[in-house]
PDB file of N, CA and C in Angstrom:
ATOM      1  N   MET A   1      -5.818 -14.556 -18.191  1.00  0.00           N
ATOM      2  CA  MET A   1      -5.288 -13.261 -18.563  1.00  0.00           C
ATOM      3  C   MET A   1      -5.086 -12.373 -17.339  1.00  0.00           C
ATOM      4  N   ARG A   2      -6.008 -12.460 -16.374  1.00  0.00           N
ATOM      5  CA  ARG A   2      -5.910 -11.637 -15.170  1.00  0.00           C
ATOM      6  C   ARG A   2      -4.632 -11.959 -14.391  1.00  0.00           C
ATOM      7  N   LYS A   3      -4.276 -13.242 -14.321  1.00  0.00           N
ATOM      8  CA  LYS A   3      -3.061 -13.640 -13.611  1.00  0.00           C
ATOM      9  C   LYS A   3      -1.832 -13.070 -14.300  1.00  0.00           C
ATOM     10  N   ALA A   4      -1.825 -13.070 -15.616  1.00  0.00           N
ATOM     11  CA  ALA A   4      -0.692 -12.515 -16.357  1.00  0.00           C
ATOM     12  C   ALA A   4      -0.578 -11.014 -16.113  1.00  0.00           C
ATOM     13  N   ARG A   5      -1.700 -10.321 -16.079  1.00  0.00           N
ATOM     14  CA  ARG A   5      -1.696  -8.876 -15.827  1.00  0.00           C
ATOM     15  C   ARG A   5      -1.184  -8.570 -14.422  1.00  0.00           C
ATOM     16  N   ARG A   6      -1.645  -9.354 -13.439  1.00  0.00           N
ATOM     17  CA  ARG A   6      -1.205  -9.170 -12.059  1.00  0.00           C
ATOM     18  C   ARG A   6       0.293  -9.446 -11.942  1.00  0.00           C
ATOM     19  N   ALA A   7       0.766 -10.500 -12.602  1.00  0.00           N
ATOM     20  CA  ALA A   7       2.195 -10.832 -12.562  1.00  0.00           C
ATOM     21  C   ALA A   7       3.014  -9.707 -13.181  1.00  0.00           C
ATOM     22  N   TRP A   8       2.527  -9.140 -14.290  1.00  0.00           N
ATOM     23  CA  TRP A   8       3.236  -8.033 -14.931  1.00  0.00           C
ATOM     24  C   TRP A   8       3.278  -6.818 -14.009  1.00  0.00           C
ATOM     25  N   LEU A   9       2.169  -6.500 -13.360  1.00  0.00           N
ATOM     26  CA  LEU A   9       2.119  -5.382 -12.432  1.00  0.00           C
ATOM     27  C   LEU A   9       3.116  -5.595 -11.297  1.00  0.00           C
ATOM     28  N   LEU A  10       3.134  -6.777 -10.723  1.00  0.00           N
ATOM     29  CA  LEU A  10       4.056  -7.068  -9.632  1.00  0.00           C
ATOM     30  C   LEU A  10       5.501  -6.972 -10.087  1.00  0.00           C
ATOM     31  N   PHE A  11       5.782  -7.456 -11.294  1.00  0.00           N
ATOM     32  CA  PHE A  11       7.139  -7.361 -11.819  1.00  0.00           C
ATOM     33  C   PHE A  11       7.544  -5.898 -11.984  1.00  0.00           C
ATOM     34  N   CYS A  12       6.664  -5.104 -12.570  1.00  0.00           N
ATOM     35  CA  CYS A  12       6.980  -3.688 -12.787  1.00  0.00           C
ATOM     36  C   CYS A  12       7.239  -2.961 -11.477  1.00  0.00           C
ATOM     37  N   ILE A  13       6.419  -3.221 -10.486  1.00  0.00           N
ATOM     38  CA  ILE A  13       6.591  -2.569  -9.197  1.00  0.00           C
ATOM     39  C   ILE A  13       7.874  -3.043  -8.527  1.00  0.00           C
ATOM     40  N   SER A  14       8.194  -4.316  -8.671  1.00  0.00           N
ATOM     41  CA  SER A  14       9.366  -4.867  -7.991  1.00  0.00           C
ATOM     42  C   SER A  14      10.674  -4.311  -8.523  1.00  0.00           C
ATOM     43  N   ILE A  15      10.678  -3.814  -9.766  1.00  0.00           N
ATOM     44  CA  ILE A  15      11.929  -3.318 -10.319  1.00  0.00           C
ATOM     45  C   ILE A  15      12.079  -1.798 -10.205  1.00  0.00           C
ATOM     46  N   LEU A  16      11.150  -1.158  -9.521  1.00  0.00           N
ATOM     47  CA  LEU A  16      11.267   0.288  -9.347  1.00  0.00           C
ATOM     48  C   LEU A  16      12.558   0.611  -8.620  1.00  0.00           C
ATOM     49  N   THR A  17      13.270   1.564  -9.136  1.00  0.00           N
ATOM     50  CA  THR A  17      14.533   1.962  -8.518  1.00  0.00           C
ATOM     51  C   THR A  17      14.276   3.071  -7.515  1.00  0.00           C
ATOM     52  N   PRO A  18      15.232   3.320  -6.599  1.00  0.00           N
ATOM     53  CA  PRO A  18      15.074   4.446  -5.668  1.00  0.00           C
ATOM     54  C   PRO A  18      14.876   5.769  -6.398  1.00  0.00           C
ATOM     55  N   THR A  19      15.461   5.917  -7.588  1.00  0.00           N
ATOM     56  CA  THR A  19      15.285   7.141  -8.362  1.00  0.00           C
ATOM     57  C   THR A  19      13.828   7.313  -8.755  1.00  0.00           C
ATOM     58  N   ALA A  20      13.197   6.241  -9.198  1.00  0.00           N
ATOM     59  CA  ALA A  20      11.783   6.318  -9.572  1.00  0.00           C
ATOM     60  C   ALA A  20      10.933   6.627  -8.353  1.00  0.00           C
ATOM     61  N   MET A  21      11.270   6.019  -7.229  1.00  0.00           N
ATOM     62  CA  MET A  21      10.520   6.258  -6.006  1.00  0.00           C
ATOM     63  C   MET A  21      10.676   7.701  -5.538  1.00  0.00           C
ATOM     64  N   ALA A  22      11.824   8.304  -5.799  1.00  0.00           N
ATOM     65  CA  ALA A  22      12.082   9.669  -5.351  1.00  0.00           C
ATOM     66  C   ALA A  22      11.213  10.685  -6.084  1.00  0.00           C
ATOM     67  N   GLU A  23      10.566  10.286  -7.170  1.00  0.00           N
ATOM     68  CA  GLU A  23       9.743  11.207  -7.937  1.00  0.00           C
ATOM     69  C   GLU A  23       8.455  11.595  -7.209  1.00  0.00           C
ATOM     70  N   ILE A  24       8.142  10.933  -6.129  1.00  0.00           N
ATOM     71  CA  ILE A  24       6.969  11.309  -5.342  1.00  0.00           C
ATOM     72  C   ILE A  24       7.363  12.513  -4.498  1.00  0.00           C
ATOM     73  N   THR A  25       6.729  13.629  -4.783  1.00  0.00           N
ATOM     74  CA  THR A  25       7.085  14.873  -4.107  1.00  0.00           C
ATOM     75  C   THR A  25       6.738  14.824  -2.621  1.00  0.00           C
ATOM     76  N   VAL A  26       7.354  15.716  -1.876  1.00  0.00           N
ATOM     77  CA  VAL A  26       7.086  15.785  -0.443  1.00  0.00           C
ATOM     78  C   VAL A  26       5.614  16.092  -0.192  1.00  0.00           C
ATOM     79  N   SER A  27       5.038  16.984  -0.967  1.00  0.00           N
ATOM     80  CA  SER A  27       3.622  17.309  -0.764  1.00  0.00           C
ATOM     81  C   SER A  27       2.739  16.098  -1.066  1.00  0.00           C
ATOM     82  N   ARG A  28       3.103  15.306  -2.075  1.00  0.00           N
ATOM     83  CA  ARG A  28       2.323  14.092  -2.376  1.00  0.00           C
ATOM     84  C   ARG A  28       2.515  13.057  -1.280  1.00  0.00           C
ATOM     85  N   GLN A  29       3.711  12.972  -0.717  1.00  0.00           N
ATOM     86  CA  GLN A  29       3.960  12.057   0.391  1.00  0.00           C
ATOM     87  C   GLN A  29       3.063  12.403   1.581  1.00  0.00           C
ATOM     88  N   VAL A  30       2.889  13.685   1.851  1.00  0.00           N
ATOM     89  CA  VAL A  30       1.999  14.118   2.935  1.00  0.00           C
ATOM     90  C   VAL A  30       0.570  13.677   2.626  1.00  0.00           C
ATOM     91  N   GLU A  31       0.129  13.852   1.382  1.00  0.00           N
ATOM     92  CA  GLU A  31      -1.212  13.418   0.981  1.00  0.00           C
ATOM     93  C   GLU A  31      -1.373  11.904   1.133  1.00  0.00           C
ATOM     94  N   LEU A  32      -0.349  11.157   0.747  1.00  0.00           N
ATOM     95  CA  LEU A  32      -0.416   9.702   0.844  1.00  0.00           C
ATOM     96  C   LEU A  32      -0.454   9.232   2.288  1.00  0.00           C
ATOM     97  N   LYS A  33       0.306   9.901   3.165  1.00  0.00           N
ATOM     98  CA  LYS A  33       0.247   9.528   4.584  1.00  0.00           C
ATOM     99  C   LYS A  33      -1.127   9.852   5.153  1.00  0.00           C
ATOM    100  N   ASN A  34      -1.713  10.951   4.722  1.00  0.00           N
ATOM    101  CA  ASN A  34      -3.071  11.291   5.163  1.00  0.00           C
ATOM    102  C   ASN A  34      -4.059  10.231   4.677  1.00  0.00           C
ATOM    103  N   LEU A  35      -3.912   9.796   3.427  1.00  0.00           N
ATOM    104  CA  LEU A  35      -4.760   8.741   2.884  1.00  0.00           C
ATOM    105  C   LEU A  35      -4.597   7.474   3.720  1.00  0.00           C
ATOM    106  N   LEU A  36      -3.363   7.148   4.074  1.00  0.00           N
ATOM    107  CA  LEU A  36      -3.091   5.957   4.876  1.00  0.00           C
ATOM    108  C   LEU A  36      -3.788   6.054   6.230  1.00  0.00           C
ATOM    109  N   GLU A  37      -3.655   7.192   6.882  1.00  0.00           N
ATOM    110  CA  GLU A  37      -4.260   7.358   8.206  1.00  0.00           C
ATOM    111  C   GLU A  37      -5.784   7.410   8.146  1.00  0.00           C
ATOM    112  N   GLN A  38      -6.327   8.132   7.177  1.00  0.00           N
ATOM    113  CA  GLN A  38      -7.773   8.343   7.133  1.00  0.00           C
ATOM    114  C   GLN A  38      -8.513   7.245   6.356  1.00  0.00           C
ATOM    115  N   ASP A  39      -8.143   7.047   5.102  1.00  0.00           N
ATOM    116  CA  ASP A  39      -8.870   6.085   4.275  1.00  0.00           C
ATOM    117  C   ASP A  39      -8.578   4.649   4.697  1.00  0.00           C
ATOM    118  N   CYS A  40      -7.298   4.311   4.772  1.00  0.00           N
ATOM    119  CA  CYS A  40      -6.946   2.944   5.200  1.00  0.00           C
ATOM    120  C   CYS A  40      -7.333   2.752   6.667  1.00  0.00           C
ATOM    121  N   GLY A  41      -7.108   3.799   7.457  1.00  0.00           N
ATOM    122  CA  GLY A  41      -7.420   3.737   8.882  1.00  0.00           C
ATOM    123  C   GLY A  41      -8.893   3.555   9.175  1.00  0.00           C
ATOM    124  N   SER A  42      -9.761   3.943   8.244  1.00  0.00           N
ATOM    125  CA  SER A  42     -11.197   3.775   8.488  1.00  0.00           C
ATOM    126  C   SER A  42     -11.571   2.300   8.600  1.00  0.00           C
ATOM    127  N   CYS A  43     -10.829   1.422   7.966  1.00  0.00           N
ATOM    128  CA  CYS A  43     -11.098  -0.029   8.079  1.00  0.00           C
ATOM    129  C   CYS A  43     -10.045  -0.753   8.920  1.00  0.00           C
ATOM    130  N   HIS A  44      -8.795  -0.305   8.816  1.00  0.00           N
ATOM    131  CA  HIS A  44      -7.698  -0.994   9.512  1.00  0.00           C
ATOM    132  C   HIS A  44      -7.426  -0.391  10.891  1.00  0.00           C
ATOM    133  N   GLY A  45      -8.252   0.541  11.305  1.00  0.00           N
ATOM    134  CA  GLY A  45      -8.087   1.207  12.595  1.00  0.00           C
ATOM    135  C   GLY A  45      -7.231   2.447  12.437  1.00  0.00           C
ATOM    136  N   LEU A  46      -7.589   3.512  13.140  1.00  0.00           N
ATOM    137  CA  LEU A  46      -6.856   4.775  12.990  1.00  0.00           C
ATOM    138  C   LEU A  46      -5.394   4.652  13.414  1.00  0.00           C
ATOM    139  N   THR A  47      -5.082   3.667  14.239  1.00  0.00           N
ATOM    140  CA  THR A  47      -3.687   3.411  14.603  1.00  0.00           C
ATOM    141  C   THR A  47      -3.139   2.224  13.810  1.00  0.00           C
ATOM    142  N   LEU A  48      -3.925   1.748  12.851  1.00  0.00           N
ATOM    143  CA  LEU A  48      -3.594   0.622  11.976  1.00  0.00           C
ATOM    144  C   LEU A  48      -3.363  -0.681  12.742  1.00  0.00           C
ATOM    145  N   LYS A  49      -3.958  -0.774  13.921  1.00  0.00           N
ATOM    146  CA  LYS A  49      -3.836  -1.983  14.737  1.00  0.00           C
ATOM    147  C   LYS A  49      -4.943  -2.992  14.437  1.00  0.00           C
ATOM    148  N   GLY A  50      -5.736  -2.711  13.429  1.00  0.00           N
ATOM    149  CA  GLY A  50      -6.792  -3.624  13.018  1.00  0.00           C
ATOM    150  C   GLY A  50      -8.161  -3.085  13.350  1.00  0.00           C
ATOM    151  N   GLY A  51      -9.129  -3.568  12.658  1.00  0.00           N
ATOM    152  CA  GLY A  51     -10.530  -3.184  12.817  1.00  0.00           C
ATOM    153  C   GLY A  51     -11.314  -4.107  11.919  1.00  0.00           C
ATOM    154  N   LEU A  52     -12.057  -3.522  10.993  1.00  0.00           N
ATOM    155  CA  LEU A  52     -12.744  -4.325   9.991  1.00  0.00           C
ATOM    156  C   LEU A  52     -11.707  -5.094   9.161  1.00  0.00           C
ATOM    157  N   GLY A  53     -10.596  -4.418   8.852  1.00  0.00           N
ATOM    158  CA  GLY A  53      -9.483  -5.044   8.134  1.00  0.00           C
ATOM    159  C   GLY A  53      -8.379  -5.419   9.106  1.00  0.00           C
ATOM    160  N   PRO A  54      -7.417  -6.239   8.681  1.00  0.00           N
ATOM    161  CA  PRO A  54      -6.345  -6.683   9.570  1.00  0.00           C
ATOM    162  C   PRO A  54      -5.381  -5.555   9.941  1.00  0.00           C
ATOM    163  N   ALA A  55      -4.593  -5.789  10.964  1.00  0.00           N
ATOM    164  CA  ALA A  55      -3.584  -4.821  11.418  1.00  0.00           C
ATOM    165  C   ALA A  55      -2.548  -4.589  10.318  1.00  0.00           C
ATOM    166  N   LEU A  56      -2.061  -3.351  10.247  1.00  0.00           N
ATOM    167  CA  LEU A  56      -1.004  -2.979   9.307  1.00  0.00           C
ATOM    168  C   LEU A  56       0.194  -2.397  10.056  1.00  0.00           C
ATOM    169  N   THR A  57       0.364  -2.795  11.291  1.00  0.00           N
ATOM    170  CA  THR A  57       1.503  -2.328  12.082  1.00  0.00           C
ATOM    171  C   THR A  57       2.785  -2.954  11.549  1.00  0.00           C
ATOM    172  N   ILE A  58       3.913  -2.442  11.982  1.00  0.00           N
ATOM    173  CA  ILE A  58       5.193  -2.966  11.513  1.00  0.00           C
ATOM    174  C   ILE A  58       5.332  -4.449  11.853  1.00  0.00           C
ATOM    175  N   ASP A  59       4.875  -4.865  13.027  1.00  0.00           N
ATOM    176  CA  ASP A  59       4.951  -6.285  13.400  1.00  0.00           C
ATOM    177  C   ASP A  59       4.047  -7.143  12.519  1.00  0.00           C
ATOM    178  N   ALA A  60       2.860  -6.652  12.227  1.00  0.00           N
ATOM    179  CA  ALA A  60       1.944  -7.395  11.362  1.00  0.00           C
ATOM    180  C   ALA A  60       2.484  -7.467   9.933  1.00  0.00           C
ATOM    181  N   MET A  61       3.119  -6.394   9.479  1.00  0.00           N
ATOM    182  CA  MET A  61       3.635  -6.354   8.111  1.00  0.00           C
ATOM    183  C   MET A  61       4.777  -7.340   7.908  1.00  0.00           C
ATOM    184  N   LYS A  62       5.530  -7.637   8.959  1.00  0.00           N
ATOM    185  CA  LYS A  62       6.638  -8.593   8.839  1.00  0.00           C
ATOM    186  C   LYS A  62       6.149  -9.957   8.368  1.00  0.00           C
ATOM    187  N   LYS A  63       4.884 -10.264   8.627  1.00  0.00           N
ATOM    188  CA  LYS A  63       4.313 -11.565   8.283  1.00  0.00           C
ATOM    189  C   LYS A  63       3.646 -11.567   6.904  1.00  0.00           C
ATOM    190  N   LYS A  64       3.615 -10.417   6.251  1.00  0.00           N
ATOM    191  CA  LYS A  64       2.902 -10.297   4.982  1.00  0.00           C
ATOM    192  C   LYS A  64       3.901 -10.132   3.832  1.00  0.00           C
ATOM    193  N   PRO A  65       3.918 -11.072   2.883  1.00  0.00           N
ATOM    194  CA  PRO A  65       4.817 -10.942   1.732  1.00  0.00           C
ATOM    195  C   PRO A  65       4.481  -9.700   0.910  1.00  0.00           C
ATOM    196  N   ARG A  66       5.517  -8.993   0.486  1.00  0.00           N
ATOM    197  CA  ARG A  66       5.332  -7.753  -0.257  1.00  0.00           C
ATOM    198  C   ARG A  66       4.493  -7.964  -1.526  1.00  0.00           C
ATOM    199  N   ALA A  67       4.739  -9.034  -2.253  1.00  0.00           N
ATOM    200  CA  ALA A  67       4.001  -9.284  -3.491  1.00  0.00           C
ATOM    201  C   ALA A  67       2.505  -9.448  -3.222  1.00  0.00           C
ATOM    202  N   VAL A  68       2.168 -10.096  -2.135  1.00  0.00           N
ATOM    203  CA  VAL A  68       0.752 -10.270  -1.765  1.00  0.00           C
ATOM    204  C   VAL A  68       0.138  -8.925  -1.420  1.00  0.00           C
ATOM    205  N   MET A  69       0.877  -8.106  -0.684  1.00  0.00           N
ATOM    206  CA  MET A  69       0.369  -6.787  -0.307  1.00  0.00           C
ATOM    207  C   MET A  69       0.198  -5.887  -1.536  1.00  0.00           C
ATOM    208  N   LEU A  70       1.148  -5.950  -2.468  1.00  0.00           N
ATOM    209  CA  LEU A  70       1.025  -5.164  -3.700  1.00  0.00           C
ATOM    210  C   LEU A  70      -0.234  -5.550  -4.463  1.00  0.00           C
ATOM    211  N   ALA A  71      -0.465  -6.840  -4.592  1.00  0.00           N
ATOM    212  CA  ALA A  71      -1.654  -7.309  -5.304  1.00  0.00           C
ATOM    213  C   ALA A  71      -2.928  -6.916  -4.562  1.00  0.00           C
ATOM    214  N   THR A  72      -2.917  -7.020  -3.242  1.00  0.00           N
ATOM    215  CA  THR A  72      -4.101  -6.684  -2.447  1.00  0.00           C
ATOM    216  C   THR A  72      -4.456  -5.212  -2.589  1.00  0.00           C
ATOM    217  N   ILE A  73      -3.460  -4.348  -2.480  1.00  0.00           N
ATOM    218  CA  ILE A  73      -3.731  -2.911  -2.587  1.00  0.00           C
ATOM    219  C   ILE A  73      -4.135  -2.563  -4.017  1.00  0.00           C
ATOM    220  N   SER A  74      -3.443  -3.103  -4.985  1.00  0.00           N
ATOM    221  CA  SER A  74      -3.736  -2.797  -6.390  1.00  0.00           C
ATOM    222  C   SER A  74      -5.111  -3.300  -6.820  1.00  0.00           C
ATOM    223  N   ASP A  75      -5.387  -4.566  -6.531  1.00  0.00           N
ATOM    224  CA  ASP A  75      -6.590  -5.211  -7.051  1.00  0.00           C
ATOM    225  C   ASP A  75      -7.729  -5.337  -6.050  1.00  0.00           C
ATOM    226  N   GLY A  76      -7.471  -5.018  -4.792  1.00  0.00           N
ATOM    227  CA  GLY A  76      -8.487  -5.197  -3.768  1.00  0.00           C
ATOM    228  C   GLY A  76      -8.669  -6.673  -3.454  1.00  0.00           C
ATOM    229  N   ARG A  77      -9.684  -6.969  -2.669  1.00  0.00           N
ATOM    230  CA  ARG A  77     -10.017  -8.351  -2.339  1.00  0.00           C
ATOM    231  C   ARG A  77     -11.498  -8.546  -2.611  1.00  0.00           C
ATOM    232  N   PRO A  78     -11.823  -9.207  -3.733  1.00  0.00           N
ATOM    233  CA  PRO A  78     -13.238  -9.434  -4.065  1.00  0.00           C
ATOM    234  C   PRO A  78     -13.965 -10.142  -2.918  1.00  0.00           C
ATOM    235  N   GLY A  79     -15.186  -9.713  -2.681  1.00  0.00           N
ATOM    236  CA  GLY A  79     -15.998 -10.309  -1.623  1.00  0.00           C
ATOM    237  C   GLY A  79     -15.724  -9.729  -0.252  1.00  0.00           C
ATOM    238  N   THR A  80     -14.835  -8.736  -0.193  1.00  0.00           N
ATOM    239  CA  THR A  80     -14.536  -8.053   1.072  1.00  0.00           C
ATOM    240  C   THR A  80     -14.666  -6.548   0.846  1.00  0.00           C
ATOM    241  N   PRO A  81     -14.617  -5.755   1.906  1.00  0.00           N
ATOM    242  CA  PRO A  81     -14.674  -4.296   1.728  1.00  0.00           C
ATOM    243  C   PRO A  81     -13.391  -3.685   1.145  1.00  0.00           C
ATOM    244  N   MET A  82     -12.310  -4.484   0.969  1.00  0.00           N
ATOM    245  CA  MET A  82     -11.048  -3.942   0.456  1.00  0.00           C
ATOM    246  C   MET A  82     -11.178  -3.610  -1.026  1.00  0.00           C
ATOM    247  N   PRO A  83     -11.139  -2.285  -1.353  1.00  0.00           N
ATOM    248  CA  PRO A  83     -11.300  -1.884  -2.753  1.00  0.00           C
ATOM    249  C   PRO A  83      -9.968  -1.936  -3.509  1.00  0.00           C
ATOM    250  N   PRO A  84     -10.041  -1.976  -4.835  1.00  0.00           N
ATOM    251  CA  PRO A  84      -8.812  -1.845  -5.621  1.00  0.00           C
ATOM    252  C   PRO A  84      -8.396  -0.371  -5.671  1.00  0.00           C
ATOM    253  N   TRP A  85      -7.119  -0.117  -5.470  1.00  0.00           N
ATOM    254  CA  TRP A  85      -6.619   1.260  -5.476  1.00  0.00           C
ATOM    255  C   TRP A  85      -5.867   1.602  -6.759  1.00  0.00           C
ATOM    256  N   LYS A  86      -5.709   0.646  -7.662  1.00  0.00           N
ATOM    257  CA  LYS A  86      -4.893   0.872  -8.857  1.00  0.00           C
ATOM    258  C   LYS A  86      -5.447   1.953  -9.786  1.00  0.00           C
ATOM    259  N   ASN A  87      -6.729   2.261  -9.669  1.00  0.00           N
ATOM    260  CA  ASN A  87      -7.308   3.314 -10.500  1.00  0.00           C
ATOM    261  C   ASN A  87      -7.188   4.690  -9.852  1.00  0.00           C
ATOM    262  N   ILE A  88      -6.747   4.716  -8.606  1.00  0.00           N
ATOM    263  CA  ILE A  88      -6.633   5.972  -7.862  1.00  0.00           C
ATOM    264  C   ILE A  88      -5.173   6.322  -7.613  1.00  0.00           C
ATOM    265  N   LEU A  89      -4.359   5.299  -7.329  1.00  0.00           N
ATOM    266  CA  LEU A  89      -2.938   5.490  -7.027  1.00  0.00           C
ATOM    267  C   LEU A  89      -2.074   4.891  -8.126  1.00  0.00           C
ATOM    268  N   THR A  90      -0.908   5.502  -8.339  1.00  0.00           N
ATOM    269  CA  THR A  90       0.038   4.931  -9.294  1.00  0.00           C
ATOM    270  C   THR A  90       0.755   3.748  -8.652  1.00  0.00           C
ATOM    271  N   ALA A  91       1.417   2.956  -9.479  1.00  0.00           N
ATOM    272  CA  ALA A  91       2.208   1.836  -8.963  1.00  0.00           C
ATOM    273  C   ALA A  91       3.302   2.345  -8.024  1.00  0.00           C
ATOM    274  N   GLU A  92       3.886   3.491  -8.348  1.00  0.00           N
ATOM    275  CA  GLU A  92       4.932   4.074  -7.506  1.00  0.00           C
ATOM    276  C   GLU A  92       4.372   4.495  -6.145  1.00  0.00           C
ATOM    277  N   GLU A  93       3.171   5.060  -6.156  1.00  0.00           N
ATOM    278  CA  GLU A  93       2.553   5.483  -4.901  1.00  0.00           C
ATOM    279  C   GLU A  93       2.202   4.285  -4.026  1.00  0.00           C
ATOM    280  N   ILE A  94       1.715   3.227  -4.639  1.00  0.00           N
ATOM    281  CA  ILE A  94       1.410   2.015  -3.879  1.00  0.00           C
ATOM    282  C   ILE A  94       2.685   1.446  -3.274  1.00  0.00           C
ATOM    283  N   ALA A  95       3.755   1.381  -4.064  1.00  0.00           N
ATOM    284  CA  ALA A  95       5.039   0.882  -3.558  1.00  0.00           C
ATOM    285  C   ALA A  95       5.553   1.771  -2.428  1.00  0.00           C
ATOM    286  N   TRP A  96       5.396   3.089  -2.558  1.00  0.00           N
ATOM    287  CA  TRP A  96       5.837   4.019  -1.508  1.00  0.00           C
ATOM    288  C   TRP A  96       5.047   3.788  -0.223  1.00  0.00           C
ATOM    289  N   LEU A  97       3.735   3.632  -0.339  1.00  0.00           N
ATOM    290  CA  LEU A  97       2.904   3.357   0.842  1.00  0.00           C
ATOM    291  C   LEU A  97       3.330   2.062   1.523  1.00  0.00           C
ATOM    292  N   LEU A  98       3.639   1.049   0.735  1.00  0.00           N
ATOM    293  CA  LEU A  98       4.107  -0.205   1.323  1.00  0.00           C
ATOM    294  C   LEU A  98       5.434  -0.013   2.051  1.00  0.00           C
ATOM    295  N   ASP A  99       6.331   0.770   1.471  1.00  0.00           N
ATOM    296  CA  ASP A  99       7.597   1.063   2.155  1.00  0.00           C
ATOM    297  C   ASP A  99       7.325   1.705   3.511  1.00  0.00           C
ATOM    298  N   VAL A 100       6.401   2.640   3.535  1.00  0.00           N
ATOM    299  CA  VAL A 100       6.032   3.317   4.789  1.00  0.00           C
ATOM    300  C   VAL A 100       5.496   2.303   5.800  1.00  0.00           C
ATOM    301  N   LEU A 101       4.632   1.418   5.359  1.00  0.00           N
ATOM    302  CA  LEU A 101       4.068   0.414   6.267  1.00  0.00           C
ATOM    303  C   LEU A 101       5.135  -0.550   6.773  1.00  0.00           C
ATOM    304  N   TYR A 102       5.996  -1.034   5.882  1.00  0.00           N
ATOM    305  CA  TYR A 102       7.032  -1.983   6.293  1.00  0.00           C
ATOM    306  C   TYR A 102       8.061  -1.350   7.227  1.00  0.00           C
ATOM    307  N   LYS A 103       8.271  -0.051   7.094  1.00  0.00           N
ATOM    308  CA  LYS A 103       9.205   0.656   7.975  1.00  0.00           C
ATOM    309  C   LYS A 103       8.521   1.137   9.265  1.00  0.00           C
ATOM    310  N   GLY A 104       7.204   1.148   9.267  1.00  0.00           N
ATOM    311  CA  GLY A 104       6.463   1.650  10.423  1.00  0.00           C
ATOM    312  C   GLY A 104       6.564   3.150  10.571  1.00  0.00           C
ATOM    313  N   SER A 105       6.812   3.838   9.460  1.00  0.00           N
ATOM    314  CA  SER A 105       7.027   5.286   9.527  1.00  0.00           C
ATOM    315  C   SER A 105       5.782   6.106   9.211  1.00  0.00           C
ATOM    316  N   TYR A 106       4.606   5.480   9.269  1.00  0.00           N
ATOM    317  CA  TYR A 106       3.370   6.191   8.922  1.00  0.00           C
ATOM    318  C   TYR A 106       2.973   7.224   9.965  1.00  0.00           C
ATOM    319  N   ARG A 107       3.496   7.149  11.174  1.00  0.00           N
ATOM    320  CA  ARG A 107       3.133   8.105  12.217  1.00  0.00           C
ATOM    321  C   ARG A 107       4.064   9.314  12.247  1.00  0.00           C
ATOM    322  N   GLU A 108       5.121   9.294  11.462  1.00  0.00           N
ATOM    323  CA  GLU A 108       6.048  10.426  11.414  1.00  0.00           C
ATOM    324  C   GLU A 108       5.372  11.571  10.680  1.00  0.00           C
ATOM    325  N   LYS A 109       5.533  12.750  11.195  1.00  0.00           N
ATOM    326  CA  LYS A 109       4.948  13.934  10.550  1.00  0.00           C
ATOM    327  C   LYS A 109       6.036  14.759   9.907  1.00  0.00           C
TER     328      LYS A 109
END
């Protein structure tokens, strides 16, 4: 059942349109970038070049399939410090954060 739920989540996120993504307000985008720098940065390094967790730089992201990253952020990684974020962030917010990481635009203010 868990695999079916994860597959459904990935499908839903994959079909998000730019219109749906645009619903994240500018103020929420600022909050999400802060979360990326501070919360994610606490394990992945403040420059996201790696630490306790792997690097999340644009070069590192090129090697990571989007579906795997969506599942990792949503569900976490059992047995590791990576927590599930699906109870804190919406699917749209997770997809937006991934867009930021894949574009390398997390340092833009």
